C-alpha atoms as a PDB file:
ATOM      1  CA  MET A   1      -9.035  -0.154  24.921  1.00  0.00           C
ATOM      2  CA  VAL A   2      -5.946  -1.063  23.194  1.00  0.00           C
ATOM      3  CA  THR A   3      -7.230  -4.252  21.945  1.00  0.00           C
ATOM      4  CA  ARG A   4     -10.346  -2.454  20.661  1.00  0.00           C
ATOM      5  CA  SER A   5      -8.107   0.103  18.732  1.00  0.00           C
ATOM      6  CA  LYS A   6      -6.082  -2.607  17.122  1.00  0.00           C
ATOM      7  CA  GLY A   7      -9.210  -4.321  15.780  1.00  0.00           C
ATOM      8  CA  PHE A   8     -10.310  -1.146  14.582  1.00  0.00           C
ATOM      9  CA  GLY A   9      -6.979  -0.746  12.770  1.00  0.00           C
ATOM     10  CA  LEU A  10      -7.328  -4.104  11.362  1.00  0.00           C
ATOM     11  CA  TRP A  11     -10.571  -3.175   9.625  1.00  0.00           C
ATOM     12  CA  LEU A  12      -9.150   0.002   8.528  1.00  0.00           C
ATOM     13  CA  ALA A  13      -6.257  -1.901   6.949  1.00  0.00           C
ATOM     14  CA  LEU A  14      -8.554  -4.498   5.185  1.00  0.00           C
ATOM     15  CA  ALA A  15     -10.583  -1.558   3.896  1.00  0.00           C
ATOM     16  CA  SER A  16      -7.490  -0.108   2.543  1.00  0.00           C
ATOM     17  CA  ALA A  17      -6.569  -3.246   0.621  1.00  0.00           C
ATOM     18  CA  ALA A  18     -10.125  -3.583  -0.568  1.00  0.00           C
ATOM     19  CA  THR A  19      -9.959  -0.032  -2.102  1.00  0.00           C
ATOM     20  CA  PHE A  20      -6.318  -0.406  -3.328  1.00  0.00           C
ATOM     21  CA  GLY A  21      -7.514  -3.706  -5.002  1.00  0.00           C
ATOM     22  CA  SER A  22     -10.286  -2.091  -7.010  1.00  0.00           C
ATOM     23  CA  SER A  23      -7.891  -0.276  -9.024  1.00  0.00           C
ATOM     24  CA  GLY A  24      -7.118  -3.305 -11.284  1.00  0.00           C
ATOM     25  CA  PRO A  25     -10.322  -3.662 -13.428  1.00  0.00           C
ATOM     26  CA  PHE A  26     -10.919   0.083 -13.671  1.00  0.00           C
ATOM     27  CA  ALA A  27      -7.424   0.656 -14.858  1.00  0.00           C
ATOM     28  CA  LYS A  28      -7.362  -2.151 -17.179  1.00  0.00           C
ATOM     29  CA  SER A  29     -10.703  -0.925 -18.864  1.00  0.00           C
ATOM     30  CA  LEU A  30      -8.629   2.225 -19.702  1.00  0.00           C
ATOM     31  CA  LEU A  31      -5.447   0.369 -20.629  1.00  0.00           C
ATOM     32  CA  VAL A  32      -7.426  -1.649 -23.369  1.00  0.00           C
ATOM     33  CA  GLU A  33      -8.645   1.456 -24.986  1.00  0.00           C
ATOM     34  CA  GLY A  34      -5.351   3.049 -25.288  1.00  0.00           C
ATOM     35  CA  TRP A  35      -4.548   4.947 -22.224  1.00  0.00           C
ATOM     36  CA  SER A  36      -0.867   4.878 -21.101  1.00  0.00           C
ATOM     37  CA  SER A  37      -0.202   3.856 -17.637  1.00  0.00           C
ATOM     38  CA  GLY A  38       1.304   7.337 -16.966  1.00  0.00           C
ATOM     39  CA  ALA A  39      -1.768   9.266 -17.758  1.00  0.00           C
ATOM     40  CA  ILE A  40      -3.758   6.825 -15.498  1.00  0.00           C
ATOM     41  CA  VAL A  41      -1.625   7.278 -12.713  1.00  0.00           C
ATOM     42  CA  LEU A  42      -1.425  11.199 -13.019  1.00  0.00           C
ATOM     43  CA  LEU A  43      -5.105  11.564 -13.268  1.00  0.00           C
ATOM     44  CA  ARG A  44      -5.499   9.074 -10.384  1.00  0.00           C
ATOM     45  CA  VAL A  45      -3.088  11.001  -8.169  1.00  0.00           C
ATOM     46  CA  THR A  46      -4.308  14.305  -9.131  1.00  0.00           C
ATOM     47  CA  GLY A  47      -7.865  13.480  -8.540  1.00  0.00           C
ATOM     48  CA  ALA A  48      -7.050  12.093  -5.015  1.00  0.00           C
ATOM     49  CA  THR A  49      -5.011  15.219  -4.322  1.00  0.00           C
ATOM     50  CA  LEU A  50      -8.076  17.630  -5.341  1.00  0.00           C
ATOM     51  CA  VAL A  51     -10.365  15.365  -3.098  1.00  0.00           C
ATOM     52  CA  LEU A  52      -8.219  15.490  -0.113  1.00  0.00           C
ATOM     53  CA  ALA A  53      -7.399  19.141  -0.320  1.00  0.00           C
ATOM     54  CA  VAL A  54     -10.068  20.502   1.900  1.00  0.00           C
ATOM     55  CA  PRO A  55      -9.912  17.961   4.626  1.00  0.00           C
ATOM     56  CA  THR A  56      -6.065  18.609   4.659  1.00  0.00           C
ATOM     57  CA  VAL A  57      -6.467  22.304   4.891  1.00  0.00           C
ATOM     58  CA  LEU A  58      -9.006  21.706   7.848  1.00  0.00           C
ATOM     59  CA  ALA A  59      -6.798  19.249   9.541  1.00  0.00           C
ATOM     60  CA  LEU A  60      -3.791  21.806   9.526  1.00  0.00           C
ATOM     61  CA  ARG A  61      -5.727  24.871  10.328  1.00  0.00           C
ATOM     62  CA  GLY A  62      -3.609  26.571  12.902  1.00  0.00           C
ATOM     63  CA  ARG A  63      -1.014  24.027  12.789  1.00  0.00           C
ATOM     64  CA  TRP A  64       0.972  24.618   9.458  1.00  0.00           C
ATOM     65  CA  SER A  65       4.329  24.628  11.321  1.00  0.00           C
ATOM     66  CA  LEU A  66       3.759  20.859  11.290  1.00  0.00           C
ATOM     67  CA  VAL A  67       4.068  20.837   7.455  1.00  0.00           C
ATOM     68  CA  ARG A  68       7.631  22.387   7.842  1.00  0.00           C
ATOM     69  CA  ASP A  69       8.555  20.261  10.679  1.00  0.00           C
ATOM     70  CA  HIS A  70       7.675  16.920   8.510  1.00  0.00           C
ATOM     71  CA  LEU A  71       8.401  18.272   5.040  1.00  0.00           C
ATOM     72  CA  ARG A  72      10.919  15.536   4.330  1.00  0.00           C
ATOM     73  CA  THR A  73       8.610  12.995   5.281  1.00  0.00           C
ATOM     74  CA  VAL A  74       5.866  14.631   3.142  1.00  0.00           C
ATOM     75  CA  LEU A  75       8.265  14.829   0.242  1.00  0.00           C
ATOM     76  CA  ALA A  76       9.684  11.040   0.606  1.00  0.00           C
ATOM     77  CA  TYR A  77       6.064   9.856   0.882  1.00  0.00           C
ATOM     78  CA  GLY A  78       4.941  11.637  -2.436  1.00  0.00           C
ATOM     79  CA  ALA A  79       7.976  11.097  -4.498  1.00  0.00           C
ATOM     80  CA  VAL A  80       8.801   7.391  -3.518  1.00  0.00           C
ATOM     81  CA  ALA A  81       5.692   5.979  -1.842  1.00  0.00           C
ATOM     82  CA  VAL A  82       3.118   7.289  -4.396  1.00  0.00           C
ATOM     83  CA  ALA A  83       4.875   8.425  -7.532  1.00  0.00           C
ATOM     84  CA  GLY A  84       7.877   6.281  -7.642  1.00  0.00           C
ATOM     85  CA  CYS A  85       6.169   3.105  -6.502  1.00  0.00           C
ATOM     86  CA  GLN A  86       3.519   3.496  -9.279  1.00  0.00           C
ATOM     87  CA  VAL A  87       5.859   4.389 -12.003  1.00  0.00           C
ATOM     88  CA  ALA A  88       8.320   1.706 -11.345  1.00  0.00           C
ATOM     89  CA  TYR A  89       5.798  -0.917 -11.173  1.00  0.00           C
ATOM     90  CA  PHE A  90       4.464   0.041 -14.660  1.00  0.00           C
ATOM     91  CA  TYR A  91       7.978   0.142 -15.982  1.00  0.00           C
ATOM     92  CA  ALA A  92       8.259  -3.260 -14.534  1.00  0.00           C
ATOM     93  CA  VAL A  93       4.966  -4.652 -16.290  1.00  0.00           C
ATOM     94  CA  GLN A  94       6.491  -3.397 -19.662  1.00  0.00           C
ATOM     95  CA  ARG A  95       9.114  -6.001 -19.371  1.00  0.00           C
ATOM     96  CA  LEU A  96       7.409  -8.714 -17.161  1.00  0.00           C
ATOM     97  CA  ASP A  97       4.364 -10.475 -16.581  1.00  0.00           C
ATOM     98  CA  VAL A  98       1.922  -8.498 -14.636  1.00  0.00           C
ATOM     99  CA  GLY A  99       1.946 -11.213 -11.823  1.00  0.00           C
ATOM    100  CA  VAL A 100       5.549 -11.322 -11.774  1.00  0.00           C
ATOM    101  CA  ALA A 101       5.816  -7.548 -11.342  1.00  0.00           C
ATOM    102  CA  LEU A 102       3.040  -7.470  -8.650  1.00  0.00           C
ATOM    103  CA  LEU A 103       4.950 -10.450  -6.616  1.00  0.00           C
ATOM    104  CA  LEU A 104       8.275  -8.309  -7.000  1.00  0.00           C
ATOM    105  CA  GLU A 105       6.496  -5.386  -5.559  1.00  0.00           C
ATOM    106  CA  TYR A 106       4.976  -7.026  -2.619  1.00  0.00           C
ATOM    107  CA  LEU A 107       8.473  -8.083  -1.755  1.00  0.00           C
ATOM    108  CA  GLY A 108       8.204  -4.592  -0.084  1.00  0.00           C
ATOM    109  CA  VAL A 109       6.506  -6.335   2.698  1.00  0.00           C
ATOM    110  CA  VAL A 110       9.488  -8.267   3.465  1.00  0.00           C
ATOM    111  CA  LEU A 111      11.531  -5.168   3.320  1.00  0.00           C
ATOM    112  CA  VAL A 112       9.500  -3.741   6.197  1.00  0.00           C
ATOM    113  CA  VAL A 113      10.207  -6.607   8.231  1.00  0.00           C
ATOM    114  CA  LEU A 114      14.140  -5.977   7.592  1.00  0.00           C
ATOM    115  CA  VAL A 115      13.651  -2.214   8.245  1.00  0.00           C
ATOM    116  CA  VAL A 116      11.993  -2.753  11.384  1.00  0.00           C
ATOM    117  CA  TRP A 117      14.657  -5.286  12.332  1.00  0.00           C
ATOM    118  CA  VAL A 118      17.476  -3.014  11.609  1.00  0.00           C
ATOM    119  CA  ARG A 119      15.798   0.003  13.373  1.00  0.00           C
ATOM    120  CA  THR A 120      14.937  -1.852  16.598  1.00  0.00           C
ATOM    121  CA  ARG A 121      17.906  -4.190  16.447  1.00  0.00           C
ATOM    122  CA  ARG A 122      15.468  -6.912  17.256  1.00  0.00           C
ATOM    123  CA  ALA A 123      14.749  -9.916  15.169  1.00  0.00           C
ATOM    124  CA  PRO A 124      11.294 -10.765  14.125  1.00  0.00           C
ATOM    125  CA  THR A 125       9.392 -13.623  16.037  1.00  0.00           C
ATOM    126  CA  ALA A 126       9.315 -17.030  14.701  1.00  0.00           C
ATOM    127  CA  LEU A 127       5.444 -16.314  13.890  1.00  0.00           C
ATOM    128  CA  THR A 128       6.371 -13.258  11.886  1.00  0.00           C
ATOM    129  CA  GLY A 129       9.007 -15.361  10.024  1.00  0.00           C
ATOM    130  CA  LEU A 130       6.464 -17.870   9.173  1.00  0.00           C
ATOM    131  CA  GLY A 131       4.093 -15.327   8.185  1.00  0.00           C
ATOM    132  CA  VAL A 132       6.670 -14.067   5.609  1.00  0.00           C
ATOM    133  CA  VAL A 133       6.842 -17.629   4.106  1.00  0.00           C
ATOM    134  CA  LEU A 134       3.232 -18.242   4.107  1.00  0.00           C
ATOM    135  CA  ALA A 135       2.097 -14.789   2.815  1.00  0.00           C
ATOM    136  CA  LEU A 136       4.699 -15.048  -0.182  1.00  0.00           C
ATOM    137  CA  VAL A 137       4.023 -18.561  -1.030  1.00  0.00           C
ATOM    138  CA  GLY A 138       0.275 -17.979  -0.997  1.00  0.00           C
ATOM    139  CA  LEU A 139       0.868 -14.657  -2.970  1.00  0.00           C
ATOM    140  CA  GLY A 140       2.610 -16.695  -5.659  1.00  0.00           C
ATOM    141  CA  LEU A 141      -0.211 -19.283  -5.929  1.00  0.00           C
ATOM    142  CA  VAL A 142      -2.703 -16.380  -6.216  1.00  0.00           C
ATOM    143  CA  LEU A 143      -0.760 -14.959  -9.005  1.00  0.00           C
ATOM    144  CA  ASP A 144      -0.387 -18.432 -10.613  1.00  0.00           C
ATOM    145  CA  LEU A 145       3.360 -18.045 -11.544  1.00  0.00           C
ATOM    146  CA  GLY A 146       4.011 -21.575 -11.777  1.00  0.00           C
ATOM    147  CA  GLY A 147       4.368 -21.253 -15.608  1.00  0.00           C
ATOM    148  CA  ALA A 148       6.363 -17.982 -15.837  1.00  0.00           C
ATOM    149  CA  VAL A 149       9.338 -17.724 -18.149  1.00  0.00           C
ATOM    150  CA  ARG A 150      12.598 -16.620 -16.957  1.00  0.00           C
ATOM    151  CA  PRO A 151      12.104 -12.656 -16.243  1.00  0.00           C
ATOM    152  CA  ASP A 152      13.865  -9.827 -17.782  1.00  0.00           C
ATOM    153  CA  LEU A 153      16.714  -8.540 -15.372  1.00  0.00           C
ATOM    154  CA  VAL A 154      16.046  -4.898 -16.227  1.00  0.00           C
ATOM    155  CA  GLY A 155      12.305  -5.548 -15.370  1.00  0.00           C
ATOM    156  CA  VAL A 156      13.334  -7.366 -12.195  1.00  0.00           C
ATOM    157  CA  GLY A 157      15.236  -4.384 -11.200  1.00  0.00           C
ATOM    158  CA  TRP A 158      12.188  -1.918 -11.968  1.00  0.00           C
ATOM    159  CA  GLY A 159      10.075  -4.487  -9.858  1.00  0.00           C
ATOM    160  CA  LEU A 160      12.438  -4.305  -6.892  1.00  0.00           C
ATOM    161  CA  VAL A 161      12.244  -0.429  -6.968  1.00  0.00           C
ATOM    162  CA  ALA A 162       8.554  -0.724  -6.639  1.00  0.00           C
ATOM    163  CA  ALA A 163       8.879  -2.983  -3.657  1.00  0.00           C
ATOM    164  CA  ALA A 164      11.118  -0.320  -2.078  1.00  0.00           C
ATOM    165  CA  GLY A 165       8.256   2.237  -2.805  1.00  0.00           C
ATOM    166  CA  LEU A 166       5.738  -0.038  -1.318  1.00  0.00           C
ATOM    167  CA  ALA A 167       8.039  -0.593   1.898  1.00  0.00           C
ATOM    168  CA  THR A 168       8.445   3.206   2.185  1.00  0.00           C
ATOM    169  CA  PHE A 169       4.703   3.545   2.182  1.00  0.00           C
ATOM    170  CA  PHE A 170       4.224   1.351   5.277  1.00  0.00           C
ATOM    171  CA  VAL A 171       7.245   2.651   7.138  1.00  0.00           C
ATOM    172  CA  LEU A 172       6.546   6.355   6.586  1.00  0.00           C
ATOM    173  CA  ALA A 173       2.638   5.845   7.267  1.00  0.00           C
ATOM    174  CA  ALA A 174       3.529   3.879  10.480  1.00  0.00           C
ATOM    175  CA  GLU A 175       5.797   6.723  11.958  1.00  0.00           C
ATOM    176  CA  ASP A 176       4.854   8.377  15.304  1.00  0.00           C
ATOM    177  CA  SER A 177       3.926  11.783  13.835  1.00  0.00           C
ATOM    178  CA  HIS A 178       2.115  14.911  14.876  1.00  0.00           C
ATOM    179  CA  LEU A 179       1.200  15.179  11.424  1.00  0.00           C
ATOM    180  CA  PRO A 180      -2.695  14.034  10.762  1.00  0.00           C
ATOM    181  CA  PRO A 181      -3.088  11.200   8.578  1.00  0.00           C
ATOM    182  CA  VAL A 182      -5.238  12.939   6.143  1.00  0.00           C
ATOM    183  CA  ALA A 183      -2.432  15.821   5.818  1.00  0.00           C
ATOM    184  CA  LEU A 184       0.062  13.218   5.115  1.00  0.00           C
ATOM    185  CA  ALA A 185      -1.992  11.599   2.492  1.00  0.00           C
ATOM    186  CA  GLY A 186      -3.128  14.726   1.001  1.00  0.00           C
ATOM    187  CA  LEU A 187       0.083  16.455   0.893  1.00  0.00           C
ATOM    188  CA  GLY A 188       1.855  13.184  -0.253  1.00  0.00           C
ATOM    189  CA  MET A 189      -0.530  12.858  -3.023  1.00  0.00           C
ATOM    190  CA  GLY A 190      -0.046  16.458  -4.128  1.00  0.00           C
ATOM    191  CA  ALA A 191       3.932  16.037  -4.060  1.00  0.00           C
ATOM    192  CA  GLY A 192       3.425  12.695  -6.191  1.00  0.00           C
ATOM    193  CA  ALA A 193       1.426  14.576  -8.661  1.00  0.00           C
ATOM    194  CA  LEU A 194       3.888  17.213  -8.937  1.00  0.00           C
ATOM    195  CA  VAL A 195       6.568  14.615  -9.737  1.00  0.00           C
ATOM    196  CA  LEU A 196       4.373  12.676 -12.252  1.00  0.00           C
ATOM    197  CA  THR A 197       3.706  15.874 -14.119  1.00  0.00           C
ATOM    198  CA  VAL A 198       7.354  16.743 -14.282  1.00  0.00           C
ATOM    199  CA  LEU A 199       8.156  13.201 -15.522  1.00  0.00           C
ATOM    200  CA  GLY A 200       5.420  13.731 -18.055  1.00  0.00           C
ATOM    201  CA  LEU A 201       6.571  17.015 -19.211  1.00  0.00           C
ATOM    202  CA  VAL A 202      10.066  15.943 -19.763  1.00  0.00           C
ATOM    203  CA  GLY A 203       8.946  12.863 -21.670  1.00  0.00           C
ATOM    204  CA  VAL A 204      10.250  10.075 -19.110  1.00  0.00           C
ATOM    205  CA  LEU A 205       6.601   8.960 -18.457  1.00  0.00           C
ATOM    206  CA  PRO A 206       4.413   8.884 -21.674  1.00  0.00           C
ATOM    207  CA  MET A 207       1.012  10.368 -21.218  1.00  0.00           C
ATOM    208  CA  ARG A 208      -1.671   9.249 -23.733  1.00  0.00           C
ATOM    209  CA  PHE A 209      -5.423  10.069 -22.907  1.00  0.00           C
ATOM    210  CA  VAL A 210      -8.136   8.693 -24.922  1.00  0.00           C
ATOM    211  CA  ALA A 211     -11.652  10.092 -24.441  1.00  0.00           C
ATOM    212  CA  THR A 212     -13.864   7.014 -25.031  1.00  0.00           C
ATOM    213  CA  ASP A 213     -16.196   4.878 -23.335  1.00  0.00           C
ATOM    214  CA  VAL A 214     -14.570   1.652 -21.489  1.00  0.00           C
ATOM    215  CA  ALA A 215     -15.981  -1.824 -20.736  1.00  0.00           C
ATOM    216  CA  LEU A 216     -17.375  -2.543 -17.247  1.00  0.00           C
ATOM    217  CA  LEU A 217     -19.741  -4.881 -15.749  1.00  0.00           C
ATOM    218  CA  GLY A 218     -20.551  -6.132 -19.138  1.00  0.00           C
ATOM    219  CA  GLY A 219     -21.408  -2.999 -20.658  1.00  0.00           C
ATOM    220  CA  ARG A 220     -19.825   0.467 -21.445  1.00  0.00           C
ATOM    221  CA  ALA A 221     -19.335   3.521 -19.382  1.00  0.00           C
ATOM    222  CA  PRO A 222     -17.700   6.890 -19.629  1.00  0.00           C
ATOM    223  CA  TRP A 223     -14.121   7.010 -19.261  1.00  0.00           C
ATOM    224  CA  TRP A 224     -14.353   9.617 -16.332  1.00  0.00           C
ATOM    225  CA  VAL A 225     -16.271   6.851 -14.268  1.00  0.00           C
ATOM    226  CA  ALA A 226     -13.254   4.641 -14.363  1.00  0.00           C
ATOM    227  CA  VAL A 227     -11.023   7.736 -13.620  1.00  0.00           C
ATOM    228  CA  GLY A 228     -13.275   8.798 -11.005  1.00  0.00           C
ATOM    229  CA  GLU A 229     -13.201   5.502  -9.322  1.00  0.00           C
ATOM    230  CA  LEU A 230      -9.391   5.362  -9.482  1.00  0.00           C
ATOM    231  CA  ALA A 231      -9.203   8.708  -7.993  1.00  0.00           C
ATOM    232  CA  LEU A 232     -11.794   8.799  -5.120  1.00  0.00           C
ATOM    233  CA  VAL A 233     -11.788   5.168  -4.054  1.00  0.00           C
ATOM    234  CA  ALA A 234      -8.434   3.707  -5.159  1.00  0.00           C
ATOM    235  CA  ALA A 235      -6.528   6.668  -4.307  1.00  0.00           C
ATOM    236  CA  ALA A 236      -7.990   9.048  -1.896  1.00  0.00           C
ATOM    237  CA  ALA A 237      -9.688   6.703   0.279  1.00  0.00           C
ATOM    238  CA  ALA A 238      -7.223   3.718   0.032  1.00  0.00           C
ATOM    239  CA  TYR A 239      -4.258   5.862   0.877  1.00  0.00           C
ATOM    240  CA  LEU A 240      -6.153   7.732   3.772  1.00  0.00           C
ATOM    241  CA  LEU A 241      -7.396   4.429   5.158  1.00  0.00           C
ATOM    242  CA  GLY A 242      -3.883   2.906   4.930  1.00  0.00           C
ATOM    243  CA  VAL A 243      -2.143   5.725   6.613  1.00  0.00           C
ATOM    244  CA  THR A 244      -4.534   5.588   9.462  1.00  0.00           C
ATOM    245  CA  ALA A 245      -4.380   1.996   9.612  1.00  0.00           C
ATOM    246  CA  ALA A 246      -0.450   2.027   9.836  1.00  0.00           C
ATOM    247  CA  ARG A 247      -0.513   4.459  12.749  1.00  0.00           C
ATOM    248  CA  ILE A 248      -2.630   2.098  14.703  1.00  0.00           C
ATOM    249  CA  LEU A 249      -1.170  -1.341  13.593  1.00  0.00           C
ATOM    250  CA  GLY A 250       2.268  -0.388  12.949  1.00  0.00           C
ATOM    251  CA  SER A 251       4.201  -0.802   9.727  1.00  0.00           C
ATOM    252  CA  THR A 252       4.675  -4.600  10.123  1.00  0.00           C
ATOM    253  CA  VAL A 253       1.438  -5.687  10.654  1.00  0.00           C
ATOM    254  CA  ALA A 254      -0.411  -3.165   8.444  1.00  0.00           C
ATOM    255  CA  SER A 255       1.945  -4.304   5.551  1.00  0.00           C
ATOM    256  CA  PHE A 256       1.034  -7.913   5.911  1.00  0.00           C
ATOM    257  CA  VAL A 257      -2.518  -6.980   5.877  1.00  0.00           C
ATOM    258  CA  GLY A 258      -1.977  -5.229   2.930  1.00  0.00           C
ATOM    259  CA  LEU A 259      -1.118  -8.420   1.137  1.00  0.00           C
ATOM    260  CA  THR A 260      -4.921  -9.187   1.202  1.00  0.00           C
ATOM    261  CA  GLU A 261      -5.008  -6.611  -1.718  1.00  0.00           C
ATOM    262  CA  VAL A 262      -4.386  -9.127  -4.083  1.00  0.00           C
ATOM    263  CA  LEU A 263      -7.334 -11.340  -2.982  1.00  0.00           C
ATOM    264  CA  PHE A 264      -9.554  -8.095  -3.346  1.00  0.00           C
ATOM    265  CA  ALA A 265      -8.095  -7.552  -6.693  1.00  0.00           C
ATOM    266  CA  VAL A 266      -9.203 -11.137  -7.757  1.00  0.00           C
ATOM    267  CA  LEU A 267     -12.483 -10.791  -6.468  1.00  0.00           C
ATOM    268  CA  PHE A 268     -13.192  -7.328  -8.217  1.00  0.00           C
ATOM    269  CA  ALA A 269     -11.693  -8.851 -11.461  1.00  0.00           C
ATOM    270  CA  TRP A 270     -14.246 -11.775 -11.007  1.00  0.00           C
ATOM    271  CA  LEU A 271     -17.402  -9.149 -10.431  1.00  0.00           C
ATOM    272  CA  LEU A 272     -16.308  -6.759 -13.037  1.00  0.00           C
ATOM    273  CA  LEU A 273     -14.589  -8.553 -15.764  1.00  0.00           C
ATOM    274  CA  ASP A 274     -15.834 -12.178 -15.108  1.00  0.00           C
ATOM    275  CA  GLU A 275     -12.196 -13.424 -14.381  1.00  0.00           C
ATOM    276  CA  LEU A 276     -12.663 -16.373 -12.109  1.00  0.00           C
ATOM    277  CA  PRO A 277     -10.039 -17.410  -9.750  1.00  0.00           C
ATOM    278  CA  GLY A 278      -8.817 -21.113 -10.367  1.00  0.00           C
ATOM    279  CA  PRO A 279      -8.340 -23.707  -7.427  1.00  0.00           C
ATOM    280  CA  LEU A 280      -4.478 -22.566  -7.041  1.00  0.00           C
ATOM    281  CA  GLN A 281      -5.516 -19.174  -6.397  1.00  0.00           C
ATOM    282  CA  LEU A 282      -7.951 -19.982  -3.980  1.00  0.00           C
ATOM    283  CA  LEU A 283      -5.531 -22.077  -2.044  1.00  0.00           C
ATOM    284  CA  GLY A 284      -3.014 -19.052  -2.300  1.00  0.00           C
ATOM    285  CA  GLY A 285      -5.627 -16.969  -0.471  1.00  0.00           C
ATOM    286  CA  VAL A 286      -5.608 -19.474   2.142  1.00  0.00           C
ATOM    287  CA  GLY A 287      -1.835 -19.126   2.510  1.00  0.00           C
ATOM    288  CA  ILE A 288      -2.101 -14.986   2.694  1.00  0.00           C
ATOM    289  CA  VAL A 289      -4.786 -15.085   5.400  1.00  0.00           C
ATOM    290  CA  ALA A 290      -2.736 -17.650   7.286  1.00  0.00           C
ATOM    291  CA  GLY A 291       0.408 -15.371   6.840  1.00  0.00           C
ATOM    292  CA  VAL A 292      -1.511 -12.351   8.108  1.00  0.00           C
ATOM    293  CA  VAL A 293      -2.900 -14.258  11.153  1.00  0.00           C
ATOM    294  CA  ALA A 294       0.746 -15.647  11.885  1.00  0.00           C
ATOM    295  CA  VAL A 295       1.996 -12.106  11.827  1.00  0.00           C
ATOM    296  CA  ARG A 296      -0.664 -10.754  13.792  1.00  0.00           C
ATOM    297  CA  VAL A 297      -0.471 -13.385  16.425  1.00  0.00           C
ATOM    298  CA  GLY A 298       3.300 -12.837  16.495  1.00  0.00           C
ATOM    299  CA  GLU A 299       3.200  -9.169  17.082  1.00  0.00           C
ATOM    300  CA  LEU A 300       0.554  -9.566  19.894  1.00  0.00           C
ATOM    301  CA  ARG A 301       2.722 -12.004  21.768  1.00  0.00           C
ATOM    302  CA  ARG A 302       5.513  -9.423  21.339  1.00  0.00           C
ATOM    303  CA  GLU A 303       3.584  -6.562  22.703  1.00  0.00           C
ATOM    304  CA  ARG A 304       2.368  -8.555  25.816  1.00  0.00           C
ATOM    305  CA  SER A 305       5.947  -9.853  26.426  1.00  0.00           C
ATOM    306  CA  ASP A 306       7.009  -5.948  26.192  1.00  0.00           C
ATOM    307  CA  ARG A 307       4.426  -4.979  28.600  1.00  0.00           C
ATOM    308  CA  ALA A 308       5.273  -7.658  31.095  1.00  0.00           C
ATOM    309  CA  THR A 309       8.828  -6.790  30.951  1.00  0.00           C
ATOM    310  CA  ALA A 310       8.160  -3.045  31.473  1.00  0.00           C
ATOM    311  CA  ALA A 311       6.094  -3.979  34.500  1.00  0.00           C
ATOM    312  CA  VAL A 312       8.560  -6.095  36.077  1.00  0.00           C
ATOM    313  CA  ASP A 313      11.156  -3.305  35.383  1.00  0.00           C
ATOM    314  CA  GLU A 314       8.990  -0.826  37.078  1.00  0.00           C
ATOM    315  CA  ALA A 315       8.195  -2.930  40.073  1.00  0.00           C
ATOM    316  CA  ASP A 316      12.058  -3.733  40.608  1.00  0.00           C
ATOM    317  CA  PHE A 317      12.961  -0.174  40.101  1.00  0.00           C
ATOM    318  CA  PRO A 318      10.004   2.246  40.615  1.00  0.00           C
ATOM    319  CA  LEU A 319      10.178   5.858  39.600  1.00  0.00           C
ATOM    320  CA  PRO A 320      10.230   8.494  42.392  1.00  0.00           C
ATOM    321  CA  SER A 321       7.052  10.229  43.484  1.00  0.00           C
ATOM    322  CA  GLY A 322       6.077  12.978  40.834  1.00  0.00           C
ATOM    323  CA  VAL A 323       8.282  11.776  38.054  1.00  0.00           C
ATOM    324  CA  ALA A 324       6.189  11.144  34.807  1.00  0.00           C
END
């Protein structure tokens, strides 16, 4: 039963990565028409909030006290994992190559391993360490960073802030909480939309909307098609699937599976924008998959070892009858 549940969680994590990865081509179609990054993110998060509003209310019916009990988690998720991560990433993109900024953001996966290490005081397994190396090397190849110029240090700082936001997403989503995943995603989106709105009103985050058709699939489509995909698929579905997957798999495995978002982004760019990946990118994809597999196997071995140790302890020191 546990293995079946983990397998289901793996499929959810892959679906989350795919839906997150679909955002690139649709966002790019808006950016080239003059939209600001802030405007795209605001509509994306606000739309997702509206989509998840009804499921969130239904999930919390009669249990609204859970919101009060987990208010800090919801606010941190919305402000850091949703709004902060996306805003920091777009600021990094202003100063860095998109590939460099994205690689810096995905260093959040390494931060997840470090956070789990500090929390549990248990060093990651050798396979998990190998997965870190393989996944990051593969990610660099997928992003084709070999010819990158020396990065702007301020941009690097924003990229690292984005990495912290990504790590926060996986850590908070994986917490053992009575708050339903749809409620965390819905309320977190609402909090993120509020933060983005305030940043826009005070002028920190530029907001520029352009009501024009956009280029998609070799033709033209209304701007709201791209915004709708970003809100419904790349935000509402992506975050909900990601939270649910992290609850099942844990933050470490879920974060590494999330690295496949880059592969899906390349695939969607090929299908929607006719941007075909090169040989190095394909090789990098193999590296990412190998890293995910290494982490998955390492976590499975640790789980088996923990269960075996617990069984031995229970046999040596059995609990008195009637004690749960």
